[in-house]
Structures are given as structure tokens and as C-alpha cells.
Amino acid sequence: QLHLTTSEKNELARSLEMVQNQLQEKESEIIREISEYKDRLLQAEKEHRDALSEANQKNEVEMEACHEKISSLEHCISSQKLETEHLKSREEQLNNSLKEANKALGELLKTKVR
């Protein structure tokens, strides 16, 4: 019976060792997979940061271009307003000169008729 018990004990020890080896292999595999997932996550995060940074830079460039265009348009509008005011003033001067010329012509015609 002692021999049988010793044999069973040895068999159980071998089984335990096999199970422990399988668990160690499984643990190593899980650790390796976790490491791979972490690496992939870090790579994905880096790609995301890079894409975000690139998009931000592109947006800043576009915004600067828009600000420059707005500034240019505002300057153009301001220049056109000044030109419009100048033309209105010139129109008023010409209208006044025309009125004076018509008045003088009218007086000349009156004196010619007399």
C-alpha cells in the first residue's frame, strides 16, 4: 500500500508539475499578448496625436489665410467707400458747376433776346 501511495503521490506530483507548466506557458502567452496590445495602443495613440497635430497646423494655416483675406477685403471695402465718397463729392461739384453754367446761359439768352 505504501508503494501504491508513493506511486500515486509521484503521479500527482507529475500532474501538478504539468499543470504548473501549462499555467506558466499560458501566463507567458498572456503577458506577451498584453505587451503586444500595449505596443499597438501606443502606436495608435501616436498616430492619433500626429494626425491631430497635422490637422491643427493645417487649420491654423487656413485660419491665418482667412484672416489675411478678411483683412484684404476690409481694406478693399474701405478704399471703395473712400472712392465712393470722392465720386459723390465730385458729382456734387459738377452738378453745382452745371447749375451755374445753366444759370449763366439763361442770363445770356435773356440778354440776347432783349
C-alpha atoms as a PDB file:
ATOM      1  CA  GLN A   1       0.000   0.000   0.000  1.00  0.00           C
ATOM      2  CA  LEU A   2       2.932   2.289   0.779  1.00  0.00           C
ATOM      3  CA  HIS A   3       4.257   1.616  -2.699  1.00  0.00           C
ATOM      4  CA  LEU A   4       0.826   2.374  -4.191  1.00  0.00           C
ATOM      5  CA  THR A   5       0.550   5.623  -2.204  1.00  0.00           C
ATOM      6  CA  THR A   6       4.059   6.650  -3.219  1.00  0.00           C
ATOM      7  CA  SER A   7       3.211   5.890  -6.826  1.00  0.00           C
ATOM      8  CA  GLU A   8       0.007   7.946  -6.598  1.00  0.00           C
ATOM      9  CA  LYS A   9       1.945  10.750  -4.931  1.00  0.00           C
ATOM     10  CA  ASN A  10       4.521  10.730  -7.750  1.00  0.00           C
ATOM     11  CA  GLU A  11       1.745  10.675 -10.358  1.00  0.00           C
ATOM     12  CA  LEU A  12       0.033  13.624  -8.638  1.00  0.00           C
ATOM     13  CA  ALA A  13       3.343  15.473  -8.453  1.00  0.00           C
ATOM     14  CA  ARG A  14       3.876  14.964 -12.196  1.00  0.00           C
ATOM     15  CA  SER A  15       0.321  16.107 -12.918  1.00  0.00           C
ATOM     16  CA  LEU A  16       0.810  19.143 -10.683  1.00  0.00           C
ATOM     17  CA  GLU A  17       4.060  19.974 -12.447  1.00  0.00           C
ATOM     18  CA  MET A  18       2.384  19.643 -15.859  1.00  0.00           C
ATOM     19  CA  VAL A  19      -0.471  21.902 -14.765  1.00  0.00           C
ATOM     20  CA  GLN A  20       2.019  24.425 -13.343  1.00  0.00           C
ATOM     21  CA  ASN A  21       3.995  24.345 -16.597  1.00  0.00           C
ATOM     22  CA  GLN A  22       0.816  24.858 -18.610  1.00  0.00           C
ATOM     23  CA  LEU A  23      -0.163  27.757 -16.347  1.00  0.00           C
ATOM     24  CA  GLN A  24       3.288  29.319 -16.736  1.00  0.00           C
ATOM     25  CA  GLU A  25       3.075  28.954 -20.514  1.00  0.00           C
ATOM     26  CA  LYS A  26      -0.410  30.478 -20.511  1.00  0.00           C
ATOM     27  CA  GLU A  27       0.783  33.322 -18.244  1.00  0.00           C
ATOM     28  CA  SER A  28       3.743  33.977 -20.561  1.00  0.00           C
ATOM     29  CA  GLU A  29       1.421  33.982 -23.562  1.00  0.00           C
ATOM     30  CA  ILE A  30      -0.981  36.401 -21.847  1.00  0.00           C
ATOM     31  CA  ILE A  31       1.913  38.688 -20.816  1.00  0.00           C
ATOM     32  CA  ARG A  32       3.198  38.653 -24.407  1.00  0.00           C
ATOM     33  CA  GLU A  33      -0.296  39.457 -25.764  1.00  0.00           C
ATOM     34  CA  ILE A  34      -0.705  42.286 -23.247  1.00  0.00           C
ATOM     35  CA  SER A  35       2.667  43.663 -24.310  1.00  0.00           C
ATOM     36  CA  GLU A  36       1.640  43.474 -27.982  1.00  0.00           C
ATOM     37  CA  TYR A  37      -1.691  45.207 -27.232  1.00  0.00           C
ATOM     38  CA  LYS A  38       0.130  47.932 -25.279  1.00  0.00           C
ATOM     39  CA  ASP A  39       2.541  48.455 -28.182  1.00  0.00           C
ATOM     40  CA  ARG A  40      -0.362  48.648 -30.656  1.00  0.00           C
ATOM     41  CA  LEU A  41      -2.203  51.052 -28.366  1.00  0.00           C
ATOM     42  CA  LEU A  42       0.870  53.275 -28.031  1.00  0.00           C
ATOM     43  CA  GLN A  43       1.322  53.237 -31.826  1.00  0.00           C
ATOM     44  CA  ALA A  44      -2.362  54.088 -32.368  1.00  0.00           C
ATOM     45  CA  GLU A  45      -2.139  56.916 -29.816  1.00  0.00           C
ATOM     46  CA  LYS A  46       0.988  58.282 -31.534  1.00  0.00           C
ATOM     47  CA  GLU A  47      -0.688  58.128 -34.946  1.00  0.00           C
ATOM     48  CA  HIS A  48      -3.750  59.867 -33.480  1.00  0.00           C
ATOM     49  CA  ARG A  49      -1.602  62.616 -31.908  1.00  0.00           C
ATOM     50  CA  ASP A  50       0.316  63.070 -35.153  1.00  0.00           C
ATOM     51  CA  ALA A  51      -2.886  63.287 -37.206  1.00  0.00           C
ATOM     52  CA  LEU A  52      -4.409  65.708 -34.698  1.00  0.00           C
ATOM     53  CA  SER A  53      -1.283  67.862 -34.712  1.00  0.00           C
ATOM     54  CA  GLU A  54      -1.229  67.893 -38.512  1.00  0.00           C
ATOM     55  CA  ALA A  55      -4.926  68.809 -38.641  1.00  0.00           C
ATOM     56  CA  ASN A  56      -4.382  71.592 -36.098  1.00  0.00           C
ATOM     57  CA  GLN A  57      -1.468  73.001 -38.093  1.00  0.00           C
ATOM     58  CA  LYS A  58      -3.499  72.846 -41.295  1.00  0.00           C
ATOM     59  CA  ASN A  59      -6.412  74.599 -39.576  1.00  0.00           C
ATOM     60  CA  GLU A  60      -4.098  77.309 -38.238  1.00  0.00           C
ATOM     61  CA  VAL A  61      -2.694  77.919 -41.721  1.00  0.00           C
ATOM     62  CA  GLU A  62      -6.214  78.053 -43.184  1.00  0.00           C
ATOM     63  CA  MET A  63      -7.381  80.386 -40.409  1.00  0.00           C
ATOM     64  CA  GLU A  64      -4.405  82.688 -40.996  1.00  0.00           C
ATOM     65  CA  ALA A  65      -5.170  82.723 -44.729  1.00  0.00           C
ATOM     66  CA  CYS A  66      -8.815  83.541 -43.952  1.00  0.00           C
ATOM     67  CA  HIS A  67      -7.783  86.354 -41.585  1.00  0.00           C
ATOM     68  CA  GLU A  68      -5.487  87.778 -44.268  1.00  0.00           C
ATOM     69  CA  LYS A  69      -8.273  87.557 -46.846  1.00  0.00           C
ATOM     70  CA  ILE A  70     -10.724  89.257 -44.472  1.00  0.00           C
ATOM     71  CA  SER A  71      -8.190  91.991 -43.789  1.00  0.00           C
ATOM     72  CA  SER A  72      -7.606  92.458 -47.510  1.00  0.00           C
ATOM     73  CA  LEU A  73     -11.357  92.602 -48.180  1.00  0.00           C
ATOM     74  CA  GLU A  74     -11.869  95.099 -45.351  1.00  0.00           C
ATOM     75  CA  HIS A  75      -9.102  97.273 -46.831  1.00  0.00           C
ATOM     76  CA  CYS A  76     -10.698  96.986 -50.277  1.00  0.00           C
ATOM     77  CA  ILE A  77     -14.125  97.947 -48.885  1.00  0.00           C
ATOM     78  CA  SER A  78     -12.597 100.902 -47.062  1.00  0.00           C
ATOM     79  CA  SER A  79     -10.871 102.051 -50.263  1.00  0.00           C
ATOM     80  CA  GLN A  80     -14.109 101.686 -52.226  1.00  0.00           C
ATOM     81  CA  LYS A  81     -16.014 103.696 -49.609  1.00  0.00           C
ATOM     82  CA  LEU A  82     -13.438 106.493 -49.882  1.00  0.00           C
ATOM     83  CA  GLU A  83     -13.642 106.360 -53.668  1.00  0.00           C
ATOM     84  CA  THR A  84     -17.466 106.476 -53.490  1.00  0.00           C
ATOM     85  CA  GLU A  85     -17.342 109.482 -51.180  1.00  0.00           C
ATOM     86  CA  HIS A  86     -14.865 111.191 -53.511  1.00  0.00           C
ATOM     87  CA  LEU A  87     -17.085 110.473 -56.537  1.00  0.00           C
ATOM     88  CA  LYS A  88     -20.174 111.779 -54.726  1.00  0.00           C
ATOM     89  CA  SER A  89     -18.301 114.967 -53.816  1.00  0.00           C
ATOM     90  CA  ARG A  90     -17.102 115.339 -57.414  1.00  0.00           C
ATOM     91  CA  GLU A  91     -20.637 114.724 -58.676  1.00  0.00           C
ATOM     92  CA  GLU A  92     -21.951 117.444 -56.371  1.00  0.00           C
ATOM     93  CA  GLN A  93     -19.259 119.857 -57.621  1.00  0.00           C
ATOM     94  CA  LEU A  94     -20.102 119.071 -61.239  1.00  0.00           C
ATOM     95  CA  ASN A  95     -23.837 119.485 -60.565  1.00  0.00           C
ATOM     96  CA  ASN A  96     -23.167 122.867 -58.969  1.00  0.00           C
ATOM     97  CA  SER A  97     -20.979 123.907 -61.914  1.00  0.00           C
ATOM     98  CA  LEU A  98     -23.686 122.727 -64.319  1.00  0.00           C
ATOM     99  CA  LYS A  99     -26.323 124.721 -62.437  1.00  0.00           C
ATOM    100  CA  GLU A 100     -24.120 127.839 -62.549  1.00  0.00           C
ATOM    101  CA  ALA A 101     -23.415 127.302 -66.269  1.00  0.00           C
ATOM    102  CA  ASN A 102     -27.138 126.831 -66.990  1.00  0.00           C
ATOM    103  CA  LYS A 103     -27.928 129.939 -64.957  1.00  0.00           C
ATOM    104  CA  ALA A 104     -25.288 131.933 -66.848  1.00  0.00           C
ATOM    105  CA  LEU A 105     -26.562 130.544 -70.146  1.00  0.00           C
ATOM    106  CA  GLY A 106     -30.088 131.504 -69.184  1.00  0.00           C
ATOM    107  CA  GLU A 107     -28.967 135.047 -68.387  1.00  0.00           C
ATOM    108  CA  LEU A 108     -27.028 135.255 -71.661  1.00  0.00           C
ATOM    109  CA  LEU A 109     -30.076 134.095 -73.579  1.00  0.00           C
ATOM    110  CA  LYS A 110     -32.235 136.689 -71.772  1.00  0.00           C
ATOM    111  CA  THR A 111     -29.804 139.488 -72.669  1.00  0.00           C
ATOM    112  CA  LYS A 112     -29.546 138.214 -76.268  1.00  0.00           C
ATOM    113  CA  VAL A 113     -33.329 138.129 -76.604  1.00  0.00           C
ATOM    114  CA  ARG A 114     -33.604 141.746 -75.381  1.00  0.00           C
END
